[in-house]
């Protein structure tokens, strides 16, 4: 949905410029910038961190369950914020995906 809106905006911008302004080059520049922003946002999401309370919300589990997963080595924190462990979001999502996959087999 967002891609279609962006495409419409780009098309409107391109049609607003006369041909002598090298519209194709400007379109290519706009598209390359949009693609690089998509890659940057995907990269930043990959390294997003979560507090244990956020992990509890995401997994719908209690803090004690997350703590037990940590003790068993199933989900390990990457650091601490005060006394609260910090988890990588991608690790949490991978664990959820793999545990659901195992339960369906």
Foldseek 3Di string as FASTA:
>chain_A
DVVVVVVVVLVVVLVVDDVVVVSVVVSVVVVVVVVVVVVVVVVVLQQDKDWLVVLCVVLVHDSVVVVVCCVVVNFHAPQDDVPIGMGGPNSSVVSVVVVVVVVVD
